[in-house]
Amino acid sequence: MAREFIVPGQIINGTGALDMAESALAQLGKKAMIVTDKVMIELGNCEKVENALKNQGIEYMVYSGITGEPTDKMVEEGLALYKAQNCDFLVALGGGSPIDAMKAIASLAAHGGDIADYMGKEISVEMPPIVAIPTTAGTGSEATQFTIITDTRKDVKMLLKGKVLIPRLAVIDPQFTMTAPPKITAATGLDALCHAIEAYTSRKSQEMSDTFALSAVKRIFQYLPKAFHNGQDEAARVQMSVAALEAGIAFNNASVTLIHGMSRPIGALFHVAHGLSNAMLMKECLSFALEGAYERFAALGRAVGAAGMEDSSQIAGEKFLAAVIALTEELETPTLEEYGISKEVFFQAIPKMAQDAMTSGSPQNTLREVTQEDIEQMYKNLW
């Protein structure tokens, strides 16, 4: 069966990628809006992007109002600035939040409207050129047709989709990930691992996405602990940047499954960062999914050296799950309770969270059949 496989229009990857990208930036427009956060300004990362634009004679303005995971209000504020400043393309610098915000702003740039109008619809509007420069190795947003925006009126994280949301240019320069602290390195790295595992064990997987997913899983197991324990390990940072890109390409074409479906409601209601909530869910969700996909999990177990060819598919899959759990523990992933969430409040929210998870459509990509009741039980099992 024929399958489509889509990637960013241009990828520039490796040490010195931003320098190499300057000429490509010059082809995109006359005035850029840089979408970022104040931390990127304080660290001096934004100045590097500004200098790249200056070197090409490109005007720019900086929107640094992304103060956490993006909301409809941040998008509205950014859109107003984009129009008032007469910008004609956008550059996102940061983790998944600035990149997702940029995509949403760009989707409204030509015709305005409300980002919530696209919930459940394919975005296919006219878009200005968009450029993604990730500063974390995890979200893969630089390679995907997705954006996640919180609807503050409904307390729902909207998963929005459209091929036009794939960046025209993705600049993967590991110099920007060197400043990520251990907790961010862990959460974003485990987010990338989720992307790769879910893509490989999705009903929508295909040979091309499998190739990228397997490679990402192997890189993450080898290099994420190194980057976590020593943030100045440049080789580990380079390899994690590649892994995050691979994982992003994989799930962009194969979709995510149970973990992401259950993660978004936790983030929307309890303001847990996306990568961290994914990490918190890995043990419970993958334990559930394993039963319906022993062969797929077994292949992952053998790929990372956790299992051998002599192991049955079930044993090899279980060994891979044990390796994932051990990795989350090594990276000091907190539980919901340790994070400070009230059990009583969490349990009261379970029916809404389970419904929102199923409505997202992601859990249905899991190879094992999953019901809303199953999801409610998994939320309870987190305690």
Protein backbone atom coordinates (compact mmCIF):
# COMPACT_ATOMS: atom_id res chain seq x y z
CA MET A 1 0.00 0.00 0.00
CA ALA A 2 1.36 3.41 -0.96
CA ARG A 3 2.07 5.82 1.87
CA GLU A 4 3.05 9.47 1.90
CA PHE A 5 6.19 10.49 3.83
CA ILE A 6 6.73 14.17 4.60
CA VAL A 7 9.65 16.12 6.08
CA PRO A 8 10.61 19.81 6.41
CA GLY A 9 11.38 21.62 3.17
CA GLN A 10 15.05 22.04 4.13
CA ILE A 11 17.06 20.72 7.07
CA ILE A 12 20.45 22.13 8.06
CA ASN A 13 21.94 20.03 10.82
CA GLY A 14 25.12 19.92 12.89
CA THR A 15 27.71 22.20 14.43
CA GLY A 16 27.67 25.55 12.62
CA ALA A 17 24.17 24.99 11.19
CA LEU A 18 23.00 28.54 11.96
CA ASP A 19 25.92 30.04 10.04
CA MET A 20 25.17 27.81 7.07
CA ALA A 21 21.47 28.75 7.24
CA GLU A 22 22.03 32.49 6.76
CA SER A 23 21.75 32.43 2.98
CA ALA A 24 18.58 30.33 3.21
CA LEU A 25 17.05 32.85 5.64
CA ALA A 26 17.74 35.62 3.13
CA GLN A 27 15.42 33.93 0.62
CA LEU A 28 12.37 33.91 2.90
CA GLY A 29 11.41 37.55 3.33
CA LYS A 30 12.36 41.08 4.27
CA LYS A 31 11.24 41.26 7.91
CA ALA A 32 11.14 38.41 10.41
CA MET A 33 9.32 37.95 13.66
CA ILE A 34 11.47 35.96 16.08
CA VAL A 35 9.17 33.98 18.38
CA THR A 36 10.99 33.01 21.57
CA ASP A 37 11.02 33.35 25.35
CA LYS A 38 12.90 35.57 27.78
CA VAL A 39 15.30 32.78 28.78
CA MET A 40 16.63 32.62 25.22
CA ILE A 41 17.29 36.35 25.38
CA GLU A 42 19.03 36.09 28.76
CA LEU A 43 21.24 33.23 27.56
CA GLY A 44 22.31 35.19 24.49
CA ASN A 45 20.82 32.66 22.09
CA CYS A 46 18.39 35.14 20.59
CA GLU A 47 21.24 37.54 19.85
CA LYS A 48 22.90 34.85 17.72
CA VAL A 49 19.77 34.57 15.56
CA GLU A 50 19.46 38.35 15.38
CA ASN A 51 23.05 38.56 14.15
CA ALA A 52 22.36 35.95 11.48
CA LEU A 53 19.48 38.06 10.20
CA LYS A 54 21.51 41.27 10.37
CA ASN A 55 24.29 39.65 8.35
CA GLN A 56 21.80 39.20 5.52
CA GLY A 57 20.27 42.66 5.84
CA ILE A 58 16.97 41.25 7.13
CA GLU A 59 14.87 43.41 9.44
CA TYR A 60 13.32 41.73 12.46
CA MET A 61 11.39 42.15 15.68
CA VAL A 62 11.38 39.88 18.73
CA TYR A 63 8.24 38.49 20.37
CA SER A 64 9.36 36.94 23.67
CA GLY A 65 5.93 36.46 25.21
CA ILE A 66 6.01 32.66 25.28
CA THR A 67 6.04 32.15 29.05
CA GLY A 68 5.23 28.43 29.11
CA GLU A 69 3.37 25.99 26.93
CA PRO A 70 1.57 28.13 24.32
CA THR A 71 -1.99 29.30 24.81
CA ASP A 72 -4.53 30.92 22.53
CA LYS A 73 -3.83 34.23 24.29
CA MET A 74 -0.11 34.09 23.50
CA VAL A 75 -0.99 33.35 19.87
CA GLU A 76 -3.36 36.33 19.72
CA GLU A 77 -0.72 38.62 21.19
CA GLY A 78 1.91 37.40 18.75
CA LEU A 79 -0.42 37.74 15.79
CA ALA A 80 -1.20 41.35 16.66
CA LEU A 81 2.51 42.18 16.79
CA TYR A 82 3.23 40.33 13.55
CA LYS A 83 0.65 42.41 11.71
CA ALA A 84 1.50 45.71 13.41
CA GLN A 85 5.19 45.31 12.57
CA ASN A 86 4.50 44.30 8.93
CA CYS A 87 6.53 41.09 9.16
CA ASP A 88 6.50 38.63 6.28
CA PHE A 89 8.02 35.47 7.80
CA LEU A 90 8.63 33.92 11.22
CA VAL A 91 11.56 32.30 13.02
CA ALA A 92 11.01 30.30 16.21
CA LEU A 93 13.87 29.90 18.67
CA GLY A 94 13.36 27.68 21.70
CA GLY A 95 11.81 24.41 22.75
CA GLY A 96 8.50 23.09 21.49
CA SER A 97 6.54 26.00 22.97
CA PRO A 98 7.93 28.84 20.80
CA ILE A 99 7.88 26.58 17.73
CA ASP A 100 4.26 25.58 18.31
CA ALA A 101 3.30 29.19 18.99
CA MET A 102 4.99 30.31 15.78
CA LYS A 103 3.06 27.75 13.75
CA ALA A 104 -0.24 28.92 15.22
CA ILE A 105 0.57 32.60 14.65
CA ALA A 106 1.53 31.87 11.05
CA SER A 107 -1.69 29.95 10.44
CA LEU A 108 -3.69 33.08 11.32
CA ALA A 109 -1.37 35.60 9.66
CA ALA A 110 -3.17 35.86 6.33
CA HIS A 111 -6.83 35.71 7.34
CA GLY A 112 -6.96 36.19 11.13
CA GLY A 113 -9.60 34.36 13.13
CA ASP A 114 -9.35 32.25 16.27
CA ILE A 115 -6.93 29.34 16.56
CA ALA A 116 -9.66 27.29 18.28
CA ASP A 117 -11.59 27.36 15.00
CA TYR A 118 -9.16 24.75 13.67
CA MET A 119 -9.79 22.18 16.40
CA GLY A 120 -10.65 18.92 14.65
CA LYS A 121 -9.97 20.33 11.19
CA GLU A 122 -7.09 20.12 8.73
CA ILE A 123 -5.26 23.45 8.53
CA SER A 124 -4.71 24.28 4.86
CA VAL A 125 -4.54 28.08 4.85
CA GLU A 126 -2.05 30.36 3.14
CA MET A 127 1.04 30.60 5.38
CA PRO A 128 4.09 32.86 5.47
CA PRO A 129 7.44 31.01 5.53
CA ILE A 130 8.30 29.58 8.96
CA VAL A 131 11.70 28.59 10.34
CA ALA A 132 12.30 26.43 13.42
CA ILE A 133 15.51 26.56 15.47
CA PRO A 134 15.10 24.12 18.40
CA THR A 135 17.06 24.67 21.61
CA THR A 136 16.06 21.37 23.21
CA ALA A 137 16.49 17.85 21.89
CA GLY A 138 13.02 16.48 22.31
CA THR A 139 9.82 17.87 20.88
CA GLY A 140 10.59 17.30 17.21
CA SER A 141 8.23 20.17 16.40
CA GLU A 142 10.78 21.44 13.87
CA ALA A 143 9.86 18.43 11.70
CA THR A 144 6.13 18.02 12.20
CA GLN A 145 2.76 19.05 10.84
CA PHE A 146 1.38 19.46 14.35
CA THR A 147 1.05 22.21 16.94
CA ILE A 148 -0.37 21.99 20.46
CA ILE A 149 -2.12 25.10 21.78
CA THR A 150 -4.07 25.37 25.04
CA ASP A 151 -7.63 26.65 24.72
CA THR A 152 -7.82 28.69 27.94
CA ARG A 153 -11.61 28.91 27.74
CA LYS A 154 -12.12 25.14 27.75
CA ASP A 155 -8.95 24.00 29.59
CA VAL A 156 -8.10 21.73 26.66
CA LYS A 157 -4.82 21.22 24.85
CA MET A 158 -5.74 21.35 21.18
CA LEU A 159 -3.76 19.11 18.82
CA LEU A 160 -3.88 20.96 15.51
CA LYS A 161 -2.70 19.48 12.22
CA GLY A 162 -1.86 20.52 8.68
CA LYS A 163 0.98 19.99 6.21
CA VAL A 164 1.38 23.78 5.99
CA LEU A 165 2.62 23.70 9.60
CA ILE A 166 5.81 21.87 8.62
CA PRO A 167 8.63 24.45 8.74
CA ARG A 168 10.10 25.61 5.45
CA LEU A 169 13.50 25.47 7.12
CA ALA A 170 14.67 23.54 10.20
CA VAL A 171 18.02 24.58 11.68
CA ILE A 172 19.33 21.92 14.07
CA ASP A 173 22.37 23.50 15.68
CA PRO A 174 23.52 21.68 18.85
CA GLN A 175 25.12 24.86 20.23
CA PHE A 176 21.65 25.88 21.41
CA THR A 177 21.04 22.66 23.37
CA MET A 178 24.23 23.04 25.43
CA THR A 179 22.46 25.45 27.78
CA ALA A 180 19.58 23.10 28.65
CA PRO A 181 19.70 22.14 32.36
CA PRO A 182 19.52 18.46 33.41
CA LYS A 183 15.78 18.42 34.17
CA ILE A 184 14.93 19.92 30.78
CA THR A 185 17.41 17.61 29.06
CA ALA A 186 15.72 14.62 30.71
CA ALA A 187 12.12 15.66 30.05
CA THR A 188 12.68 16.63 26.42
CA GLY A 189 14.83 13.58 25.76
CA LEU A 190 12.16 11.27 27.15
CA ASP A 191 9.61 13.14 25.05
CA ALA A 192 11.65 12.23 21.98
CA LEU A 193 11.81 8.62 23.19
CA CYS A 194 8.02 8.60 23.49
CA HIS A 195 7.72 9.92 19.94
CA ALA A 196 9.94 7.18 18.59
CA ILE A 197 8.40 4.31 20.57
CA GLU A 198 4.84 5.41 19.82
CA ALA A 199 5.60 5.88 16.12
CA TYR A 200 7.09 2.39 15.94
CA THR A 201 4.16 0.79 17.80
CA SER A 202 1.42 2.78 16.05
CA ARG A 203 -1.25 1.35 13.78
CA LYS A 204 -0.10 3.98 11.26
CA SER A 205 3.56 2.96 11.22
CA GLN A 206 5.25 2.41 7.87
CA GLU A 207 8.67 1.25 6.71
CA MET A 208 10.12 4.76 6.37
CA SER A 209 8.87 5.91 9.77
CA ASP A 210 10.12 2.65 11.31
CA THR A 211 13.63 3.40 10.03
CA PHE A 212 13.70 6.80 11.72
CA ALA A 213 12.01 5.55 14.90
CA LEU A 214 14.43 2.67 15.43
CA SER A 215 17.44 4.91 14.87
CA ALA A 216 16.09 7.49 17.33
CA VAL A 217 15.45 4.91 20.05
CA LYS A 218 18.99 3.54 19.74
CA ARG A 219 20.56 7.03 19.86
CA ILE A 220 18.48 8.09 22.86
CA PHE A 221 19.36 5.04 24.93
CA GLN A 222 23.04 5.60 24.17
CA TYR A 223 23.32 9.37 24.47
CA LEU A 224 20.51 10.76 26.67
CA PRO A 225 22.09 9.55 29.95
CA LYS A 226 25.40 11.11 28.87
CA ALA A 227 23.76 14.46 28.06
CA PHE A 228 21.83 14.34 31.34
CA HIS A 229 24.86 13.64 33.52
CA ASN A 230 27.20 15.98 31.62
CA GLY A 231 25.50 18.82 29.78
CA GLN A 232 28.81 19.89 28.22
CA ASP A 233 29.25 16.59 26.41
CA GLU A 234 29.05 18.05 22.90
CA ALA A 235 29.04 14.68 21.16
CA ALA A 236 26.04 13.57 23.23
CA ARG A 237 24.24 16.86 22.54
CA VAL A 238 24.84 16.49 18.79
CA GLN A 239 23.51 12.92 18.79
CA MET A 240 20.44 13.87 20.86
CA SER A 241 19.64 16.69 18.42
CA VAL A 242 19.70 14.14 15.60
CA ALA A 243 17.60 11.69 17.63
CA ALA A 244 14.95 14.31 18.37
CA LEU A 245 14.76 15.18 14.67
CA GLU A 246 14.50 11.50 13.71
CA ALA A 247 11.77 10.91 16.28
CA GLY A 248 9.89 13.98 15.08
CA ILE A 249 10.00 12.79 11.48
CA ALA A 250 8.86 9.32 12.61
CA PHE A 251 5.77 10.40 14.52
CA ASN A 252 4.95 13.09 11.95
CA ASN A 253 4.30 10.23 9.54
CA ALA A 254 3.08 7.49 11.89
CA SER A 255 1.32 9.48 14.64
CA VAL A 256 1.59 9.09 18.40
CA THR A 257 -0.52 6.78 20.53
CA LEU A 258 -1.61 6.32 24.13
CA ILE A 259 1.04 8.30 26.03
CA HIS A 260 0.44 11.55 24.17
CA GLY A 261 -3.33 11.14 24.29
CA MET A 262 -3.21 10.88 28.08
CA SER A 263 -0.45 13.45 28.53
CA ARG A 264 -2.18 16.48 27.02
CA PRO A 265 -5.07 16.59 29.56
CA ILE A 266 -2.59 16.41 32.46
CA GLY A 267 -0.72 19.35 30.98
CA ALA A 268 -3.88 21.36 30.35
CA LEU A 269 -5.39 20.89 33.82
CA PHE A 270 -2.30 20.62 36.03
CA HIS A 271 0.23 22.64 34.02
CA VAL A 272 2.82 19.88 33.86
CA ALA A 273 5.29 20.44 31.02
CA HIS A 274 4.54 18.22 28.04
CA GLY A 275 7.75 16.21 28.04
CA LEU A 276 7.57 15.62 31.78
CA SER A 277 3.96 14.43 31.74
CA ASN A 278 4.88 12.02 28.93
CA ALA A 279 7.75 10.69 31.04
CA MET A 280 5.44 10.23 34.04
CA LEU A 281 3.10 8.11 31.88
CA MET A 282 5.62 5.88 30.14
CA LYS A 283 5.61 2.95 32.58
CA GLU A 284 1.82 2.73 32.85
CA CYS A 285 0.98 3.33 29.18
CA LEU A 286 3.68 1.12 27.69
CA SER A 287 2.81 -1.68 30.12
CA PHE A 288 -0.74 -1.54 28.74
CA ALA A 289 0.32 -1.27 25.08
CA LEU A 290 2.85 -4.10 25.31
CA GLU A 291 0.25 -6.86 25.34
CA GLY A 292 -0.98 -5.90 21.89
CA ALA A 293 2.41 -5.44 20.25
CA TYR A 294 4.95 -7.95 21.60
CA GLU A 295 6.80 -8.27 18.30
CA ARG A 296 7.17 -4.51 17.90
CA PHE A 297 8.42 -4.00 21.45
CA ALA A 298 10.69 -7.02 21.05
CA ALA A 299 12.36 -5.42 18.02
CA LEU A 300 13.02 -2.30 20.10
CA GLY A 301 14.42 -4.39 22.93
CA ARG A 302 16.85 -6.14 20.60
CA ALA A 303 17.80 -2.84 18.91
CA VAL A 304 18.98 -1.30 22.19
CA GLY A 305 20.66 -4.46 23.44
CA ALA A 306 18.19 -5.12 26.23
CA ALA A 307 17.14 -8.45 24.69
CA GLY A 308 18.67 -11.08 22.43
CA MET A 309 17.50 -13.16 19.50
CA GLU A 310 17.14 -16.13 21.85
CA ASP A 311 14.35 -14.31 23.74
CA SER A 312 10.74 -14.83 22.73
CA SER A 313 8.86 -11.76 21.53
CA GLN A 314 7.06 -11.48 24.86
CA ILE A 315 10.25 -11.78 26.92
CA ALA A 316 12.14 -9.36 24.65
CA GLY A 317 9.28 -6.86 24.81
CA GLU A 318 9.17 -7.09 28.58
CA LYS A 319 12.93 -6.56 28.75
CA PHE A 320 12.58 -3.42 26.64
CA LEU A 321 9.86 -2.11 28.94
CA ALA A 322 12.13 -2.75 31.94
CA ALA A 323 14.93 -0.83 30.19
CA VAL A 324 12.61 2.13 29.57
CA ILE A 325 11.52 2.18 33.21
CA ALA A 326 15.15 2.03 34.35
CA LEU A 327 15.98 4.97 32.08
CA THR A 328 13.16 7.11 33.48
CA GLU A 329 14.40 6.33 36.98
CA GLU A 330 18.01 7.17 36.11
CA LEU A 331 16.79 10.51 34.74
CA GLU A 332 14.96 11.19 38.04
CA THR A 333 11.44 11.41 36.64
CA PRO A 334 9.09 12.46 39.46
CA THR A 335 5.68 10.96 40.11
CA LEU A 336 2.57 13.13 40.04
CA GLU A 337 2.57 13.08 43.83
CA GLU A 338 6.22 14.11 44.02
CA TYR A 339 5.47 16.90 41.56
CA GLY A 340 2.97 18.29 44.06
CA ILE A 341 -0.37 17.41 42.49
CA SER A 342 -3.26 16.67 44.86
CA LYS A 343 -4.54 13.10 44.53
CA GLU A 344 -8.09 14.20 45.36
CA VAL A 345 -8.13 16.93 42.72
CA PHE A 346 -6.50 14.62 40.18
CA PHE A 347 -9.05 11.85 40.71
CA GLN A 348 -11.91 14.33 40.36
CA ALA A 349 -10.51 15.32 36.96
CA ILE A 350 -10.08 11.76 35.66
CA PRO A 351 -13.42 11.48 33.79
CA LYS A 352 -12.76 14.73 31.88
CA MET A 353 -9.14 13.81 31.19
CA ALA A 354 -10.08 10.37 29.88
CA GLN A 355 -12.76 11.83 27.62
CA ASP A 356 -10.37 14.50 26.30
CA ALA A 357 -7.72 11.83 25.69
CA MET A 358 -10.10 9.71 23.62
CA THR A 359 -11.40 12.76 21.75
CA SER A 360 -7.84 13.57 20.64
CA GLY A 361 -7.76 10.35 18.62
CA SER A 362 -4.20 9.43 19.64
CA PRO A 363 -5.02 6.45 21.92
CA GLN A 364 -6.86 4.77 19.05
CA ASN A 365 -3.54 4.46 17.17
CA THR A 366 -2.34 1.99 19.84
CA LEU A 367 -2.11 -1.57 18.50
CA ARG A 368 -4.00 -2.85 21.54
CA GLU A 369 -7.65 -1.79 21.69
CA VAL A 370 -8.16 0.90 24.31
CA THR A 371 -11.37 2.21 25.85
CA GLN A 372 -12.16 5.27 27.93
CA GLU A 373 -12.52 2.98 30.94
CA ASP A 374 -9.00 1.65 30.32
CA ILE A 375 -7.66 5.20 30.30
CA GLU A 376 -9.47 6.08 33.51
CA GLN A 377 -7.91 3.04 35.19
CA MET A 378 -4.43 3.97 33.94
CA TYR A 379 -4.81 7.47 35.37
CA LYS A 380 -5.75 5.89 38.72
CA ASN A 381 -2.78 3.53 38.53
CA LEU A 382 -0.42 6.52 38.46
CA TRP A 383 -0.98 6.72 42.21
